Protein backbone atom coordinates (compact mmCIF):
# COMPACT_ATOMS: atom_id res chain seq x y z
CA MET A 1 0.00 0.00 0.00
CA SER A 2 1.31 3.47 -0.88
CA TYR A 3 1.00 6.43 1.48
CA SER A 4 0.81 10.15 0.84
CA ALA A 5 3.69 12.33 1.99
CA PHE A 6 2.90 13.11 5.61
CA VAL A 7 4.73 13.63 8.90
CA PRO A 8 2.83 12.22 11.91
CA LEU A 9 3.14 14.77 14.70
CA ARG A 10 1.07 13.18 17.48
CA VAL A 11 2.12 9.56 18.07
CA PHE A 12 1.54 7.96 21.47
CA SER A 13 3.94 5.20 22.47
CA SER A 14 3.08 2.47 24.95
CA TYR A 15 4.40 4.82 27.64
CA THR A 16 1.14 6.75 27.37
CA MET A 17 -0.55 4.23 29.61
CA LEU A 18 -3.96 2.87 28.61
CA GLU A 19 -3.89 4.81 25.33
CA GLY A 20 -0.75 4.12 23.34
CA ALA A 21 -0.06 0.62 22.07
CA PHE A 22 3.05 1.40 20.03
CA ASP A 23 6.48 0.15 21.03
CA PRO A 24 8.88 3.13 20.60
CA LYS A 25 11.12 1.19 18.22
CA ALA A 26 8.12 0.07 16.17
CA ILE A 27 7.17 3.71 15.56
CA ALA A 28 10.43 4.21 13.67
CA LYS A 29 10.05 0.99 11.68
CA THR A 30 6.51 1.90 10.68
CA ALA A 31 7.56 5.40 9.63
CA LYS A 32 10.33 3.93 7.47
CA ALA A 33 8.05 1.36 5.90
CA ARG A 34 5.49 4.01 4.96
CA GLY A 35 7.95 6.52 3.61
CA PHE A 36 7.52 9.18 6.28
CA PRO A 37 10.67 11.35 6.38
CA ALA A 38 10.09 12.20 10.04
CA VAL A 39 7.80 11.25 12.92
CA ALA A 40 7.02 12.92 16.23
CA LEU A 41 6.75 11.16 19.57
CA CYS A 42 4.17 12.97 21.71
CA ASP A 43 3.36 11.02 24.87
CA ARG A 44 1.27 12.52 27.64
CA ASN A 45 3.40 14.32 30.23
CA GLY A 46 6.36 12.06 29.60
CA LEU A 47 9.59 11.59 27.68
CA TYR A 48 10.23 8.02 28.79
CA ALA A 49 10.30 6.66 25.23
CA ALA A 50 12.57 9.38 23.83
CA MET A 51 15.85 7.46 23.87
CA PRO A 52 14.74 4.12 22.32
CA PHE A 53 12.55 6.02 19.84
CA SER A 54 15.41 8.31 18.76
CA ASP A 55 17.92 5.46 18.46
CA ALA A 56 15.48 3.46 16.35
CA CYS A 57 14.72 6.43 14.11
CA PHE A 58 18.40 7.08 13.43
CA ALA A 59 18.89 3.39 12.61
CA GLN A 60 15.99 3.55 10.14
CA GLY A 61 17.05 6.87 8.56
CA VAL A 62 13.95 8.67 9.86
CA GLN A 63 14.14 12.11 11.51
CA PRO A 64 12.93 11.82 15.13
CA VAL A 65 10.96 14.70 16.59
CA ILE A 66 10.73 14.67 20.38
CA GLY A 67 7.63 16.15 21.92
CA ALA A 68 5.10 15.75 24.69
CA LEU A 69 1.41 16.39 25.14
CA VAL A 70 1.50 18.55 28.27
CA SER A 71 -1.44 19.17 30.61
CA ILE A 72 -1.98 22.89 31.20
CA ALA A 73 -4.05 24.53 33.93
CA ARG A 74 -6.31 27.06 32.22
CA PRO A 75 -5.83 30.59 33.61
CA GLY A 76 -8.64 31.63 35.93
CA SER A 77 -10.24 28.18 35.84
CA SER A 78 -9.97 24.72 37.35
CA ALA A 79 -9.98 23.20 33.83
CA ILE A 80 -6.99 21.21 32.62
CA ASP A 81 -6.30 21.32 28.89
CA TRP A 82 -3.50 20.02 26.67
CA LEU A 83 -0.83 21.50 24.42
CA ALA A 84 1.49 19.54 22.14
CA LEU A 85 5.05 20.86 22.52
CA LEU A 86 7.70 19.72 20.02
CA ALA A 87 11.41 20.35 20.49
CA GLN A 88 13.17 22.17 17.64
CA ASP A 89 16.68 21.94 19.07
CA GLU A 90 18.70 21.20 22.24
CA THR A 91 17.35 24.30 23.99
CA GLY A 92 13.81 23.21 23.25
CA TYR A 93 14.50 19.70 24.49
CA ALA A 94 15.97 21.02 27.74
CA ASN A 95 12.94 23.27 28.21
CA LEU A 96 10.59 20.39 27.48
CA CYS A 97 12.36 18.22 30.06
CA ALA A 98 11.95 20.97 32.66
CA ILE A 99 8.26 21.49 31.85
CA VAL A 100 7.44 17.78 32.02
CA SER A 101 9.36 17.43 35.29
CA ASP A 102 7.44 20.34 36.81
CA ALA A 103 4.15 18.80 35.68
CA HIS A 104 4.89 15.82 37.94
CA LEU A 105 6.74 17.51 40.79
CA LEU A 106 4.86 20.77 41.44
CA PRO A 107 1.17 19.81 41.84
CA GLU A 108 0.24 19.34 45.48
CA ASP A 109 -2.26 17.23 47.42
CA GLY A 110 -2.29 14.38 44.92
CA ALA A 111 -3.38 16.53 41.99
CA GLU A 112 -2.93 15.14 38.51
CA PRO A 113 0.25 16.25 36.69
CA HIS A 114 -0.04 19.70 35.14
CA VAL A 115 1.68 23.07 34.84
CA ALA A 116 0.28 26.56 34.80
CA LEU A 117 0.27 28.29 31.43
CA ALA A 118 2.19 31.20 32.95
CA SER A 119 4.98 28.83 34.01
CA LEU A 120 5.92 28.35 30.36
CA ALA A 121 7.25 31.91 30.26
CA GLY A 122 11.02 31.76 29.94
CA ARG A 123 10.84 28.08 28.94
CA SER A 124 9.28 28.28 25.50
CA GLU A 125 12.42 28.91 23.45
CA GLY A 126 13.12 26.14 20.98
CA LEU A 127 9.62 24.70 21.30
CA ILE A 128 6.91 24.51 18.66
CA CYS A 129 3.40 24.63 20.10
CA LEU A 130 0.39 22.88 18.59
CA THR A 131 -2.90 23.97 20.13
CA GLY A 132 -3.99 20.48 21.16
CA ALA A 133 -6.87 19.96 18.69
CA GLY A 134 -10.04 18.97 20.56
CA GLU A 135 -8.16 18.58 23.84
CA GLY A 136 -6.78 22.11 23.79
CA ALA A 137 -8.31 25.09 25.54
CA LEU A 138 -8.63 27.00 22.27
CA ALA A 139 -10.93 24.41 20.68
CA ARG A 140 -12.84 23.80 23.91
CA LEU A 141 -13.54 27.49 24.46
CA LEU A 142 -14.62 28.03 20.86
CA ALA A 143 -16.84 24.95 20.96
CA GLU A 144 -18.54 26.41 24.06
CA GLY A 145 -19.05 29.77 22.36
CA GLN A 146 -16.60 31.53 24.68
CA VAL A 147 -15.02 33.56 21.90
CA PRO A 148 -13.49 36.41 24.00
CA ALA A 149 -11.87 33.87 26.34
CA ALA A 150 -10.55 31.90 23.36
CA LEU A 151 -9.05 35.03 21.79
CA ALA A 152 -7.41 35.97 25.11
CA TYR A 153 -5.96 32.47 25.40
CA CYS A 154 -4.63 32.71 21.86
CA ASP A 155 -3.01 36.03 22.77
CA GLU A 156 -1.13 34.29 25.58
CA LEU A 157 -0.01 31.45 23.34
CA GLN A 158 1.24 33.85 20.67
CA ALA A 159 3.23 35.76 23.28
CA LEU A 160 4.78 32.55 24.59
CA PHE A 161 5.49 31.02 21.17
CA PRO A 162 6.12 33.84 18.67
CA GLU A 163 6.26 32.45 15.11
CA ARG A 164 6.08 28.95 16.64
CA LEU A 165 2.36 28.55 17.29
CA TYR A 166 0.27 26.28 15.05
CA ILE A 167 -3.50 25.93 15.04
CA GLU A 168 -4.06 22.18 15.20
CA ILE A 169 -6.86 20.40 13.34
CA ALA A 170 -7.53 16.69 13.92
CA ARG A 171 -10.49 15.10 12.14
CA CYS A 172 -11.00 12.00 14.26
CA GLY A 173 -14.66 12.18 15.20
CA ASP A 174 -14.17 14.32 18.30
CA ASP A 175 -17.29 16.37 19.12
CA VAL A 176 -15.30 19.34 20.46
CA MET A 177 -13.05 19.43 17.42
CA ASP A 178 -16.00 19.15 15.06
CA ALA A 179 -17.78 22.03 16.79
CA ALA A 180 -14.71 24.25 16.86
CA GLU A 181 -13.08 23.50 13.51
CA ALA A 182 -14.60 26.33 11.45
CA ALA A 183 -13.83 28.91 14.15
CA LEU A 184 -10.27 27.60 14.51
CA ILE A 185 -9.68 27.93 10.78
CA ASP A 186 -11.11 31.46 10.78
CA LEU A 187 -8.87 32.35 13.72
CA ALA A 188 -5.82 31.01 11.92
CA TYR A 189 -6.56 33.15 8.85
CA ASP A 190 -7.44 36.23 10.90
CA ARG A 191 -4.16 36.09 12.80
CA ASN A 192 -2.00 34.71 10.00
CA LEU A 193 -1.23 31.61 12.08
CA PRO A 194 -0.26 28.39 10.29
CA LEU A 195 -2.66 25.46 10.32
CA VAL A 196 -1.41 21.92 10.87
CA ALA A 197 -3.36 18.69 10.39
CA THR A 198 -2.57 15.94 12.87
CA ASN A 199 -3.75 12.40 13.43
CA PRO A 200 -3.43 11.39 17.10
CA CYS A 201 -2.09 7.87 16.65
CA CYS A 202 -2.11 5.03 19.20
CA PHE A 203 -1.34 2.02 16.97
CA ALA A 204 -0.23 1.22 13.45
CA GLU A 205 -2.77 -1.02 11.75
CA ARG A 206 -6.53 -0.69 11.36
CA ASP A 207 -7.12 -4.31 12.41
CA PHE A 208 -5.54 -3.60 15.82
CA HIS A 209 -8.58 -1.52 16.80
CA ALA A 210 -10.33 -4.38 18.62
CA ALA A 211 -7.26 -5.06 20.75
CA HIS A 212 -6.89 -1.36 21.51
CA ASP A 213 -10.55 -1.16 22.49
CA ALA A 214 -9.96 -4.03 24.92
CA LEU A 215 -6.99 -2.11 26.35
CA LEU A 216 -9.20 0.92 27.00
CA CYS A 217 -11.82 -1.26 28.67
């Protein structure tokens, strides 16, 4: 089977517990087999798979992109949203390591891992930010009709990630994403922000869906 030129930017490895079912080394082999020039690892709040993934990518001649899907406390709210952060260089990787560490170390009283959006200030250099598709605050706010709040959130993201912020679209049957897609596209054009299409990926082959469904159960 032939595949269109595409770089997967949101791949969960098996280190994203109860979601990913992809051995880190198998990600690289699959990317090579399908002709992808690069592939991004983007586990939730973790970089545990980064080393075996990177080694396997180099062995296969595929460019590894190291990232993480990071949980972000929404300003002025108890809501926790997600941003996909991808390292451009060594500075970005060091910043990503610090952010992920803080997500686990700073929350108190047994709270789930997360960081405050404001804590990314001074740590965003070398990082590309994808808005999180249907799991991001931008899509969630737009889907709820909270346009002023969404625009204010976008202002903060643009300040944190100048020229490195991408409006993320993922067409995977998510109700929030479906409701917000048109407004996200309009926002991208209004602010001259690039759009990026992603496919949050948990496994390689269509026929693995039943096994993955059993994993979720």
